[in-house]
């Protein structure tokens, strides 16, 4: 299943969402240029160098705060990048429209930090874990949590492959959010969020931390909510 667009219209260009996507793409390309390949992603050295571990957070050094943010913007492979940015585009533009640009940027970054905090508290290995994590999962999970609070009845136009045939169907946004969590589980099992391997639990707690933050914080930053349009007019 590949989401195409949701049925919530936006009133203005999602500048911050686009800039965040571009930032992730630029960071990925730069990392690959220093070591790795475009499709398989940055090599282990780059991922460990710019990822962040619970141990780094609980035992901070001069680079700790730098890596907290570089880890949030570095994806581990082209598939990791494409999947995360697709969901950020589809759901981020509506949350940005509801909060305003500066509030959305703060919401996104704080969501990523909240995700890391939960990882440190209850993730695999606890606060002493040296396993570095990369990816925008935590921040995007915050966006999804905020979206579900604001638009629980939204629907998403989705491209579906059935054997060798493609079709487009409309599914509830909540189902799409569930599929996103399943995607994160796949990324974790494949070691895409933990360059040293065994990242499934880390990815899970990072996503949960961001999602819970989004659920709780969105009402404090949202200034308006759009009505969900009738299905027949949703994608005009």
Protein backbone atom coordinates (compact mmCIF):
# COMPACT_ATOMS: atom_id res chain seq x y z
CA UNK A 1 0.00 0.00 0.00
CA UNK A 2 1.33 3.43 -0.95
CA UNK A 3 -0.53 6.51 0.37
CA UNK A 4 -1.11 9.20 -2.25
CA UNK A 5 -2.98 12.00 -0.48
CA UNK A 6 -5.51 12.59 2.25
CA UNK A 7 -8.89 14.27 1.93
CA UNK A 8 -8.14 17.29 4.13
CA UNK A 9 -7.50 20.41 2.03
CA UNK A 10 -4.81 22.91 3.02
CA UNK A 11 -5.11 26.68 2.79
CA UNK A 12 -1.46 27.56 2.30
CA UNK A 13 1.75 26.08 0.98
CA UNK A 14 3.36 23.78 3.60
CA UNK A 15 6.71 25.55 3.60
CA UNK A 16 8.12 23.98 6.77
CA UNK A 17 7.09 20.47 5.73
CA UNK A 18 8.82 20.90 2.37
CA UNK A 19 11.93 22.33 4.04
CA UNK A 20 12.08 19.40 6.46
CA UNK A 21 11.83 16.94 3.59
CA UNK A 22 14.57 18.77 1.69
CA UNK A 23 16.76 18.82 4.81
CA UNK A 24 16.42 15.05 5.18
CA UNK A 25 17.25 14.51 1.51
CA UNK A 26 20.29 16.81 1.64
CA UNK A 27 21.64 15.18 4.82
CA UNK A 28 21.19 11.75 3.24
CA UNK A 29 23.01 12.73 0.05
CA UNK A 30 25.88 14.33 1.96
CA UNK A 31 26.24 11.27 4.21
CA UNK A 32 26.28 8.93 1.22
CA UNK A 33 28.88 11.12 -0.49
CA UNK A 34 31.22 10.58 2.47
CA UNK A 35 30.72 6.83 2.49
CA UNK A 36 28.09 4.42 1.25
CA UNK A 37 25.83 4.20 -1.78
CA UNK A 38 22.70 6.03 -2.88
CA UNK A 39 20.43 2.99 -2.62
CA UNK A 40 21.86 1.06 0.32
CA UNK A 41 22.55 4.23 2.27
CA UNK A 42 25.46 5.64 4.30
CA UNK A 43 28.06 3.16 5.49
CA UNK A 44 28.25 2.06 9.13
CA UNK A 45 30.89 4.65 9.97
CA UNK A 46 28.65 7.53 8.87
CA UNK A 47 25.60 6.10 10.61
CA UNK A 48 27.43 5.61 13.89
CA UNK A 49 29.12 9.00 13.61
CA UNK A 50 25.88 10.93 13.11
CA UNK A 51 23.50 8.65 15.01
CA UNK A 52 22.82 9.03 18.73
CA UNK A 53 22.71 6.41 21.49
CA UNK A 54 21.08 6.46 24.93
CA UNK A 55 24.56 6.39 26.49
CA UNK A 56 25.51 9.59 24.64
CA UNK A 57 22.42 11.32 26.01
CA UNK A 58 22.94 10.24 29.62
CA UNK A 59 26.71 10.86 29.41
CA UNK A 60 26.82 14.03 27.28
CA UNK A 61 29.93 15.32 25.58
CA UNK A 62 30.55 18.27 23.30
CA UNK A 63 29.00 16.44 20.33
CA UNK A 64 25.93 15.05 22.07
CA UNK A 65 23.49 17.79 21.15
CA UNK A 66 24.83 17.86 17.64
CA UNK A 67 24.20 14.16 17.13
CA UNK A 68 20.72 14.40 18.70
CA UNK A 69 19.73 16.54 15.73
CA UNK A 70 21.83 14.91 13.02
CA UNK A 71 20.33 11.53 13.96
CA UNK A 72 16.85 12.99 13.53
CA UNK A 73 17.63 14.02 9.95
CA UNK A 74 19.69 11.04 8.75
CA UNK A 75 17.95 8.03 7.21
CA UNK A 76 19.68 4.69 6.82
CA UNK A 77 18.73 3.80 3.23
CA UNK A 78 16.84 5.14 0.24
CA UNK A 79 13.83 3.02 1.27
CA UNK A 80 14.00 4.40 4.81
CA UNK A 81 14.17 7.95 3.42
CA UNK A 82 11.37 7.49 0.88
CA UNK A 83 8.95 5.87 3.34
CA UNK A 84 9.45 8.45 6.08
CA UNK A 85 9.31 11.47 3.76
CA UNK A 86 6.16 10.22 2.03
CA UNK A 87 4.30 10.07 5.34
CA UNK A 88 5.72 13.41 6.44
CA UNK A 89 4.43 15.02 3.23
CA UNK A 90 0.94 13.53 3.38
CA UNK A 91 0.26 14.20 7.06
CA UNK A 92 2.66 17.02 7.86
CA UNK A 93 1.07 19.58 5.55
CA UNK A 94 -2.27 19.40 7.38
CA UNK A 95 -0.71 19.59 10.83
CA UNK A 96 1.37 22.56 9.70
CA UNK A 97 -1.77 24.18 8.33
CA UNK A 98 -3.47 23.72 11.70
CA UNK A 99 -0.61 24.98 13.86
CA UNK A 100 1.18 27.57 11.77
CA UNK A 101 4.73 27.26 10.49
CA UNK A 102 6.85 28.15 13.51
CA UNK A 103 4.71 26.14 15.92
CA UNK A 104 4.82 23.18 13.57
CA UNK A 105 8.62 23.29 13.41
CA UNK A 106 8.83 23.38 17.21
CA UNK A 107 6.25 20.57 17.46
CA UNK A 108 8.24 18.42 15.02
CA UNK A 109 11.59 18.87 16.76
CA UNK A 110 10.16 18.42 20.26
CA UNK A 111 8.40 15.28 19.07
CA UNK A 112 11.73 13.87 17.95
CA UNK A 113 13.30 14.75 21.31
CA UNK A 114 10.41 13.18 23.21
CA UNK A 115 10.88 10.01 21.17
CA UNK A 116 14.55 9.85 22.13
CA UNK A 117 13.64 10.41 25.78
CA UNK A 118 11.36 7.36 25.81
CA UNK A 119 14.03 5.32 24.05
CA UNK A 120 16.48 6.21 26.81
CA UNK A 121 13.95 5.44 29.54
CA UNK A 122 12.60 2.09 28.37
CA UNK A 123 14.36 1.10 25.16
CA UNK A 124 16.54 -1.95 24.67
CA UNK A 125 19.61 -1.67 26.88
CA UNK A 126 18.26 1.32 28.78
CA UNK A 127 20.29 4.48 29.32
CA UNK A 128 23.59 2.57 29.07
CA UNK A 129 22.93 1.28 25.57
CA UNK A 130 25.59 2.18 23.02
CA UNK A 131 23.40 1.27 20.05
CA UNK A 132 23.05 4.41 17.90
CA UNK A 133 19.75 5.29 16.30
CA UNK A 134 19.05 7.26 13.13
CA UNK A 135 15.83 8.31 11.43
CA UNK A 136 12.95 10.75 11.55
CA UNK A 137 10.52 8.18 13.02
CA UNK A 138 10.05 9.94 16.35
CA UNK A 139 9.29 13.36 14.86
CA UNK A 140 7.02 11.92 12.16
CA UNK A 141 5.21 9.81 14.79
CA UNK A 142 4.48 13.07 16.64
CA UNK A 143 3.01 14.49 13.44
CA UNK A 144 0.84 11.39 13.01
CA UNK A 145 -0.33 11.58 16.62
CA UNK A 146 -1.29 15.22 16.17
CA UNK A 147 -3.02 14.45 12.88
CA UNK A 148 -5.18 11.71 14.38
CA UNK A 149 -6.31 14.01 17.19
CA UNK A 150 -7.18 16.78 14.75
CA UNK A 151 -8.67 14.62 11.99
CA UNK A 152 -9.77 11.25 13.39
CA UNK A 153 -12.24 10.69 10.53
CA UNK A 154 -9.92 11.65 7.68
CA UNK A 155 -9.34 9.23 4.84
CA UNK A 156 -6.32 8.55 2.64
CA UNK A 157 -6.31 7.77 -1.06
CA UNK A 158 -4.03 4.75 -1.36
CA UNK A 159 -2.38 2.86 -4.21
CA UNK A 160 -2.76 -0.90 -3.68
CA UNK A 161 -1.06 -3.73 -5.57
CA UNK A 162 -3.27 -6.81 -5.89
CA UNK A 163 -1.19 -9.58 -7.47
CA UNK A 164 -0.19 -7.84 -10.75
CA UNK A 165 -2.93 -5.22 -10.78
CA UNK A 166 -2.81 -1.73 -9.30
CA UNK A 167 -5.89 -0.03 -7.92
CA UNK A 168 -6.61 3.07 -5.88
CA UNK A 169 -8.81 2.85 -2.80
CA UNK A 170 -9.75 5.12 0.08
CA UNK A 171 -8.92 3.94 3.60
CA UNK A 172 -9.29 5.56 7.04
CA UNK A 173 -6.31 7.63 8.16
CA UNK A 174 -6.16 5.57 11.37
CA UNK A 175 -5.54 2.44 9.30
CA UNK A 176 -2.76 4.21 7.43
CA UNK A 177 -1.16 5.25 10.71
CA UNK A 178 -1.28 1.61 11.80
CA UNK A 179 0.45 0.62 8.56
CA UNK A 180 3.11 3.22 9.26
CA UNK A 181 3.83 1.62 12.63
CA UNK A 182 4.07 -1.73 10.88
CA UNK A 183 6.55 -0.19 8.45
CA UNK A 184 8.65 1.01 11.38
CA UNK A 185 8.66 -2.52 12.78
CA UNK A 186 10.00 -3.73 9.42
CA UNK A 187 12.66 -1.01 9.41
CA UNK A 188 13.66 -2.00 12.94
CA UNK A 189 13.82 -5.72 12.12
CA UNK A 190 16.00 -4.92 9.10
CA UNK A 191 18.36 -2.85 11.25
CA UNK A 192 17.59 0.36 9.35
CA UNK A 193 17.14 2.45 12.49
CA UNK A 194 19.98 0.87 14.49
CA UNK A 195 23.19 0.62 12.45
CA UNK A 196 24.63 -1.98 14.83
CA UNK A 197 21.67 -4.35 14.40
CA UNK A 198 18.88 -5.46 16.72
CA UNK A 199 17.04 -2.17 16.41
CA UNK A 200 13.46 -3.45 16.45
CA UNK A 201 12.77 -2.53 20.07
CA UNK A 202 14.56 0.80 19.71
CA UNK A 203 12.50 1.71 16.65
CA UNK A 204 9.29 0.71 18.40
CA UNK A 205 9.89 2.83 21.49
CA UNK A 206 11.08 5.79 19.43
CA UNK A 207 7.88 5.73 17.37
CA UNK A 208 5.66 5.28 20.42
CA UNK A 209 7.37 8.15 22.25
CA UNK A 210 6.83 10.54 19.37
CA UNK A 211 3.25 9.41 18.81
CA UNK A 212 2.25 9.88 22.46
CA UNK A 213 3.86 13.33 22.45
CA UNK A 214 1.83 14.25 19.37
CA UNK A 215 -1.41 13.03 20.93
CA UNK A 216 -0.84 15.08 24.08
CA UNK A 217 0.76 18.23 22.67
CA UNK A 218 -1.18 19.00 19.50
CA UNK A 219 -4.04 20.84 21.21
CA UNK A 220 -1.55 23.21 22.81
CA UNK A 221 -0.18 24.33 19.44
CA UNK A 222 -3.06 23.92 16.98
CA UNK A 223 -4.98 27.09 16.26
CA UNK A 224 -7.61 25.77 13.86
CA UNK A 225 -9.14 22.59 12.51
CA UNK A 226 -10.48 22.02 9.00
CA UNK A 227 -13.73 20.16 8.43
CA UNK A 228 -13.45 16.74 6.79
CA UNK A 229 -15.05 17.14 3.35
CA UNK A 230 -17.63 14.70 1.92
CA UNK A 231 -16.01 11.74 0.19
CA UNK A 232 -17.28 12.70 -3.24
CA UNK A 233 -15.54 16.09 -3.06
CA UNK A 234 -12.52 15.05 -1.06
CA UNK A 235 -9.89 14.87 -3.80
CA UNK A 236 -11.02 17.58 -6.18
